[in-house]
Amino acid sequence: MKADYIFARDINDAPCITAKRDKITGEFNQIAETKIIVVVKEIESWYLAGLDKKTSKKLGIRKKIGITDNITKEHFNQLIPKNMPRIEFMHEILENYDVEIAKERCGSFGYFLNKWG
């Protein structure tokens, strides 16, 4: 990696990435602005971005996963099978994660890889 640390935060309801970075540096003045990555919209979008068809089917996700930039925690949570803990669902995604697919589906994930990958 090209960094000692990376500080990641969801954009949530901030109007833009710059506003979110400004808020973070205001709250945590010891964090360098160049070390901040803002996830658009939420980190769950990064998880879903890397799902391939096989893993989606295995997890019972019938809807095709497209661009994930606007995925929210609530939408992500609706995809979790009722008999599976959230952490297990997330772990299963990561075990089968496809970085190449994720770069195409999620702009902030692609940006992250280009900057720090």
N, C-alpha and C. Protein backbone atom coordinates (compact mmCIF):
# COMPACT_ATOMS: atom_id res chain seq x y z
N MET A 1 0.82 -1.19 0.00
CA MET A 1 0.00 0.00 0.00
C MET A 1 0.86 1.25 0.00
N LYS A 2 0.28 2.31 -0.48
CA LYS A 2 0.98 3.59 -0.55
C LYS A 2 0.62 4.51 0.62
N ALA A 3 0.10 3.95 1.71
CA ALA A 3 -0.35 4.78 2.84
C ALA A 3 -0.08 4.07 4.15
N ASP A 4 0.17 4.85 5.21
CA ASP A 4 0.32 4.28 6.54
C ASP A 4 -1.03 3.85 7.08
N TYR A 5 -2.06 4.61 6.72
CA TYR A 5 -3.42 4.32 7.14
C TYR A 5 -4.38 4.93 6.13
N ILE A 6 -5.58 4.44 6.17
CA ILE A 6 -6.68 4.98 5.37
C ILE A 6 -7.86 5.16 6.31
N PHE A 7 -8.47 6.32 6.27
CA PHE A 7 -9.64 6.61 7.09
C PHE A 7 -10.85 6.59 6.17
N ALA A 8 -11.72 5.60 6.34
CA ALA A 8 -12.88 5.45 5.47
C ALA A 8 -14.17 5.79 6.22
N ARG A 9 -15.03 6.50 5.54
CA ARG A 9 -16.35 6.85 6.07
C ARG A 9 -17.36 6.83 4.93
N ASP A 10 -18.59 6.47 5.27
CA ASP A 10 -19.68 6.56 4.30
C ASP A 10 -20.03 8.03 4.07
N ILE A 11 -20.48 8.34 2.87
CA ILE A 11 -20.90 9.71 2.58
C ILE A 11 -22.23 10.01 3.29
N ASN A 12 -23.05 8.97 3.46
CA ASN A 12 -24.36 9.12 4.09
C ASN A 12 -25.12 10.28 3.45
N ASP A 13 -25.50 11.28 4.23
CA ASP A 13 -26.32 12.36 3.70
C ASP A 13 -25.54 13.64 3.40
N ALA A 14 -24.22 13.56 3.36
CA ALA A 14 -23.43 14.75 3.01
C ALA A 14 -23.73 15.12 1.56
N PRO A 15 -23.74 16.40 1.24
CA PRO A 15 -24.08 16.82 -0.12
C PRO A 15 -23.05 16.42 -1.18
N CYS A 16 -21.79 16.25 -0.75
CA CYS A 16 -20.74 15.86 -1.70
C CYS A 16 -19.53 15.33 -0.92
N ILE A 17 -18.59 14.76 -1.64
CA ILE A 17 -17.40 14.17 -1.03
C ILE A 17 -16.57 15.24 -0.31
N THR A 18 -16.43 16.40 -0.92
CA THR A 18 -15.65 17.48 -0.30
C THR A 18 -16.24 17.88 1.04
N ALA A 19 -17.55 18.01 1.10
CA ALA A 19 -18.22 18.38 2.35
C ALA A 19 -17.99 17.31 3.42
N LYS A 20 -18.03 16.04 3.01
CA LYS A 20 -17.80 14.96 3.97
C LYS A 20 -16.36 14.99 4.47
N ARG A 21 -15.40 15.21 3.56
CA ARG A 21 -13.99 15.30 3.96
C ARG A 21 -13.78 16.46 4.93
N ASP A 22 -14.39 17.60 4.62
CA ASP A 22 -14.27 18.77 5.51
C ASP A 22 -14.83 18.47 6.90
N LYS A 23 -15.94 17.77 6.95
CA LYS A 23 -16.55 17.41 8.23
C LYS A 23 -15.61 16.48 9.01
N ILE A 24 -15.03 15.52 8.33
CA ILE A 24 -14.12 14.57 8.98
C ILE A 24 -12.88 15.28 9.52
N THR A 25 -12.28 16.15 8.71
CA THR A 25 -11.07 16.85 9.18
C THR A 25 -11.40 17.82 10.30
N GLY A 26 -12.64 18.33 10.33
CA GLY A 26 -13.07 19.17 11.43
C GLY A 26 -13.24 18.39 12.73
N GLU A 27 -13.73 17.17 12.62
CA GLU A 27 -13.93 16.32 13.79
C GLU A 27 -12.62 15.68 14.27
N PHE A 28 -11.78 15.31 13.32
CA PHE A 28 -10.53 14.60 13.62
C PHE A 28 -9.37 15.35 12.99
N ASN A 29 -8.93 16.41 13.62
CA ASN A 29 -7.93 17.28 12.99
C ASN A 29 -6.56 16.61 12.81
N GLN A 30 -6.32 15.46 13.42
CA GLN A 30 -5.05 14.77 13.26
C GLN A 30 -5.03 13.87 12.00
N ILE A 31 -6.17 13.74 11.34
CA ILE A 31 -6.24 12.90 10.13
C ILE A 31 -5.95 13.75 8.91
N ALA A 32 -4.98 13.31 8.13
CA ALA A 32 -4.63 14.03 6.90
C ALA A 32 -5.73 13.85 5.86
N GLU A 33 -6.09 14.94 5.22
CA GLU A 33 -7.15 14.88 4.20
C GLU A 33 -6.81 13.89 3.10
N THR A 34 -5.55 13.75 2.78
CA THR A 34 -5.12 12.82 1.72
C THR A 34 -5.28 11.36 2.10
N LYS A 35 -5.56 11.08 3.36
CA LYS A 35 -5.73 9.69 3.84
C LYS A 35 -7.19 9.29 3.97
N ILE A 36 -8.10 10.20 3.59
CA ILE A 36 -9.53 9.95 3.75
C ILE A 36 -10.11 9.39 2.45
N ILE A 37 -10.88 8.31 2.58
CA ILE A 37 -11.65 7.78 1.46
C ILE A 37 -13.13 7.87 1.86
N VAL A 38 -13.91 8.46 1.00
CA VAL A 38 -15.35 8.58 1.25
C VAL A 38 -16.06 7.55 0.39
N VAL A 39 -16.79 6.68 1.04
CA VAL A 39 -17.52 5.62 0.35
C VAL A 39 -18.87 6.16 -0.08
N VAL A 40 -19.18 6.03 -1.36
CA VAL A 40 -20.46 6.49 -1.90
C VAL A 40 -21.27 5.24 -2.23
N LYS A 41 -22.35 5.10 -1.68
CA LYS A 41 -23.06 5.83 -0.64
C LYS A 41 -22.71 5.26 0.72
N GLU A 42 -22.67 3.94 0.80
CA GLU A 42 -22.33 3.29 2.07
C GLU A 42 -21.46 2.08 1.78
N ILE A 43 -20.71 1.63 2.79
CA ILE A 43 -19.76 0.53 2.61
C ILE A 43 -20.44 -0.74 2.10
N GLU A 44 -21.70 -0.92 2.41
CA GLU A 44 -22.43 -2.08 1.92
C GLU A 44 -22.45 -2.13 0.40
N SER A 45 -22.34 -0.96 -0.24
CA SER A 45 -22.29 -0.93 -1.71
C SER A 45 -21.03 -1.62 -2.22
N TRP A 46 -19.94 -1.52 -1.47
CA TRP A 46 -18.69 -2.19 -1.85
C TRP A 46 -18.86 -3.70 -1.75
N TYR A 47 -19.53 -4.16 -0.71
CA TYR A 47 -19.77 -5.60 -0.56
C TYR A 47 -20.57 -6.14 -1.76
N LEU A 48 -21.71 -5.53 -2.03
CA LEU A 48 -22.56 -6.05 -3.10
C LEU A 48 -21.92 -5.94 -4.48
N ALA A 49 -21.07 -4.95 -4.65
CA ALA A 49 -20.42 -4.75 -5.95
C ALA A 49 -19.61 -5.97 -6.37
N GLY A 50 -19.02 -6.68 -5.44
CA GLY A 50 -18.15 -7.81 -5.75
C GLY A 50 -18.83 -9.16 -5.84
N LEU A 51 -20.15 -9.17 -5.79
CA LEU A 51 -20.88 -10.43 -5.88
C LEU A 51 -20.97 -10.91 -7.32
N ASP A 52 -20.56 -12.13 -7.56
CA ASP A 52 -20.76 -12.72 -8.89
C ASP A 52 -22.08 -13.48 -8.91
N LYS A 53 -22.47 -13.98 -10.08
CA LYS A 53 -23.76 -14.66 -10.21
C LYS A 53 -23.84 -15.91 -9.34
N LYS A 54 -22.76 -16.67 -9.28
CA LYS A 54 -22.74 -17.92 -8.52
C LYS A 54 -22.96 -17.65 -7.03
N THR A 55 -22.25 -16.69 -6.48
CA THR A 55 -22.39 -16.37 -5.06
C THR A 55 -23.75 -15.76 -4.77
N SER A 56 -24.23 -14.91 -5.67
CA SER A 56 -25.57 -14.33 -5.49
C SER A 56 -26.61 -15.43 -5.38
N LYS A 57 -26.52 -16.40 -6.29
CA LYS A 57 -27.47 -17.51 -6.28
C LYS A 57 -27.34 -18.32 -4.99
N LYS A 58 -26.10 -18.59 -4.59
CA LYS A 58 -25.84 -19.35 -3.36
C LYS A 58 -26.46 -18.66 -2.14
N LEU A 59 -26.43 -17.32 -2.14
CA LEU A 59 -26.97 -16.54 -1.02
C LEU A 59 -28.47 -16.25 -1.15
N GLY A 60 -29.08 -16.75 -2.24
CA GLY A 60 -30.51 -16.56 -2.42
C GLY A 60 -30.91 -15.21 -2.97
N ILE A 61 -29.94 -14.49 -3.58
CA ILE A 61 -30.23 -13.19 -4.18
C ILE A 61 -30.63 -13.42 -5.62
N ARG A 62 -31.88 -13.21 -5.92
CA ARG A 62 -32.39 -13.49 -7.25
C ARG A 62 -32.27 -12.29 -8.20
N LYS A 63 -32.31 -11.10 -7.62
CA LYS A 63 -32.24 -9.89 -8.43
C LYS A 63 -30.80 -9.67 -8.89
N LYS A 64 -30.64 -9.31 -10.16
CA LYS A 64 -29.31 -9.04 -10.70
C LYS A 64 -28.71 -7.82 -10.00
N ILE A 65 -27.46 -7.94 -9.60
CA ILE A 65 -26.76 -6.82 -8.97
C ILE A 65 -26.14 -5.98 -10.09
N GLY A 66 -26.52 -4.72 -10.13
CA GLY A 66 -25.98 -3.80 -11.13
C GLY A 66 -25.05 -2.79 -10.45
N ILE A 67 -25.14 -1.55 -10.85
CA ILE A 67 -24.37 -0.47 -10.23
C ILE A 67 -24.83 -0.36 -8.77
N THR A 68 -23.86 -0.29 -7.86
CA THR A 68 -24.21 -0.33 -6.43
C THR A 68 -23.98 1.00 -5.70
N ASP A 69 -23.64 2.05 -6.41
CA ASP A 69 -23.30 3.32 -5.76
C ASP A 69 -24.38 3.85 -4.81
N ASN A 70 -25.62 3.54 -5.04
CA ASN A 70 -26.69 4.08 -4.19
C ASN A 70 -27.27 3.06 -3.21
N ILE A 71 -26.58 1.96 -2.99
CA ILE A 71 -27.04 0.95 -2.04
C ILE A 71 -26.95 1.51 -0.62
N THR A 72 -27.99 1.27 0.15
CA THR A 72 -28.00 1.70 1.55
C THR A 72 -27.91 0.46 2.45
N LYS A 73 -27.65 0.69 3.73
CA LYS A 73 -27.61 -0.40 4.70
C LYS A 73 -28.94 -1.13 4.72
N GLU A 74 -30.03 -0.38 4.62
CA GLU A 74 -31.36 -0.97 4.67
C GLU A 74 -31.58 -1.92 3.48
N HIS A 75 -31.18 -1.49 2.30
CA HIS A 75 -31.32 -2.34 1.12
C HIS A 75 -30.46 -3.59 1.27
N PHE A 76 -29.22 -3.41 1.70
CA PHE A 76 -28.31 -4.52 1.93
C PHE A 76 -28.93 -5.52 2.91
N ASN A 77 -29.45 -5.01 4.02
CA ASN A 77 -30.02 -5.88 5.05
C ASN A 77 -31.20 -6.68 4.55
N GLN A 78 -31.96 -6.13 3.61
CA GLN A 78 -33.10 -6.85 3.04
C GLN A 78 -32.67 -8.07 2.23
N LEU A 79 -31.43 -8.08 1.78
CA LEU A 79 -30.92 -9.20 0.97
C LEU A 79 -30.40 -10.36 1.81
N ILE A 80 -30.21 -10.14 3.10
CA ILE A 80 -29.66 -11.17 3.98
C ILE A 80 -30.71 -12.25 4.22
N PRO A 81 -30.36 -13.52 3.97
CA PRO A 81 -31.32 -14.59 4.24
C PRO A 81 -31.74 -14.58 5.72
N LYS A 82 -33.01 -14.87 5.96
CA LYS A 82 -33.56 -14.78 7.32
C LYS A 82 -32.83 -15.67 8.33
N ASN A 83 -32.32 -16.79 7.90
CA ASN A 83 -31.66 -17.72 8.82
C ASN A 83 -30.15 -17.51 8.91
N MET A 84 -29.65 -16.41 8.35
CA MET A 84 -28.21 -16.17 8.32
C MET A 84 -27.86 -14.88 9.06
N PRO A 85 -26.93 -14.95 10.01
CA PRO A 85 -26.48 -13.71 10.66
C PRO A 85 -25.82 -12.76 9.65
N ARG A 86 -25.97 -11.48 9.89
CA ARG A 86 -25.43 -10.46 8.98
C ARG A 86 -23.92 -10.65 8.76
N ILE A 87 -23.19 -10.91 9.82
CA ILE A 87 -21.74 -11.06 9.71
C ILE A 87 -21.37 -12.27 8.85
N GLU A 88 -22.15 -13.33 8.95
CA GLU A 88 -21.91 -14.51 8.12
C GLU A 88 -22.17 -14.20 6.65
N PHE A 89 -23.22 -13.44 6.39
CA PHE A 89 -23.55 -13.01 5.02
C PHE A 89 -22.39 -12.20 4.43
N MET A 90 -21.89 -11.25 5.22
CA MET A 90 -20.79 -10.41 4.76
C MET A 90 -19.52 -11.24 4.55
N HIS A 91 -19.27 -12.16 5.43
CA HIS A 91 -18.10 -13.03 5.31
C HIS A 91 -18.19 -13.88 4.04
N GLU A 92 -19.36 -14.41 3.76
CA GLU A 92 -19.56 -15.24 2.57
C GLU A 92 -19.29 -14.42 1.30
N ILE A 93 -19.74 -13.18 1.30
CA ILE A 93 -19.46 -12.31 0.15
C ILE A 93 -17.96 -12.12 -0.01
N LEU A 94 -17.28 -11.80 1.08
CA LEU A 94 -15.83 -11.55 1.00
C LEU A 94 -15.04 -12.79 0.60
N GLU A 95 -15.50 -13.96 1.03
CA GLU A 95 -14.82 -15.21 0.66
C GLU A 95 -14.86 -15.45 -0.84
N ASN A 96 -15.87 -14.90 -1.50
CA ASN A 96 -16.07 -15.12 -2.94
C ASN A 96 -16.00 -13.83 -3.74
N TYR A 97 -15.37 -12.82 -3.19
CA TYR A 97 -15.37 -11.47 -3.76
C TYR A 97 -14.63 -11.40 -5.08
N ASP A 98 -15.23 -10.72 -6.05
CA ASP A 98 -14.61 -10.52 -7.36
C ASP A 98 -14.28 -9.03 -7.52
N VAL A 99 -13.01 -8.70 -7.35
CA VAL A 99 -12.55 -7.31 -7.39
C VAL A 99 -12.81 -6.68 -8.76
N GLU A 100 -12.62 -7.42 -9.81
CA GLU A 100 -12.82 -6.87 -11.16
C GLU A 100 -14.28 -6.48 -11.38
N ILE A 101 -15.19 -7.31 -10.94
CA ILE A 101 -16.62 -6.98 -11.06
C ILE A 101 -16.92 -5.76 -10.19
N ALA A 102 -16.36 -5.74 -8.98
CA ALA A 102 -16.62 -4.64 -8.05
C ALA A 102 -16.18 -3.29 -8.62
N LYS A 103 -15.03 -3.27 -9.29
CA LYS A 103 -14.54 -2.01 -9.88
C LYS A 103 -15.51 -1.46 -10.91
N GLU A 104 -16.18 -2.34 -11.63
CA GLU A 104 -17.13 -1.91 -12.66
C GLU A 104 -18.45 -1.44 -12.05
N ARG A 105 -18.85 -2.02 -10.95
CA ARG A 105 -20.16 -1.75 -10.38
C ARG A 105 -20.21 -0.61 -9.37
N CYS A 106 -19.06 -0.23 -8.82
CA CYS A 106 -19.08 0.75 -7.75
C CYS A 106 -17.98 1.79 -7.97
N GLY A 107 -18.40 3.01 -8.27
CA GLY A 107 -17.46 4.08 -8.56
C GLY A 107 -16.49 4.38 -7.44
N SER A 108 -16.97 4.42 -6.19
CA SER A 108 -16.05 4.76 -5.10
C SER A 108 -15.08 3.62 -4.81
N PHE A 109 -15.49 2.38 -5.05
CA PHE A 109 -14.57 1.26 -4.89
C PHE A 109 -13.48 1.31 -5.96
N GLY A 110 -13.89 1.58 -7.20
CA GLY A 110 -12.92 1.74 -8.29
C GLY A 110 -11.94 2.87 -8.01
N TYR A 111 -12.45 3.98 -7.52
CA TYR A 111 -11.59 5.11 -7.16
C TYR A 111 -10.60 4.71 -6.07
N PHE A 112 -11.09 4.02 -5.05
CA PHE A 112 -10.24 3.55 -3.96
C PHE A 112 -9.09 2.68 -4.49
N LEU A 113 -9.41 1.74 -5.35
CA LEU A 113 -8.36 0.86 -5.89
C LEU A 113 -7.36 1.63 -6.75
N ASN A 114 -7.84 2.58 -7.53
CA ASN A 114 -6.93 3.38 -8.36
C ASN A 114 -6.00 4.24 -7.51
N LYS A 115 -6.52 4.74 -6.39
CA LYS A 115 -5.73 5.62 -5.55
C LYS A 115 -4.79 4.86 -4.61
N TRP A 116 -5.28 3.77 -4.01
CA TRP A 116 -4.49 3.09 -2.99
C TRP A 116 -4.15 1.65 -3.32
N GLY A 117 -4.69 1.12 -4.40
CA GLY A 117 -4.48 -0.30 -4.71
C GLY A 117 -3.12 -0.63 -5.23
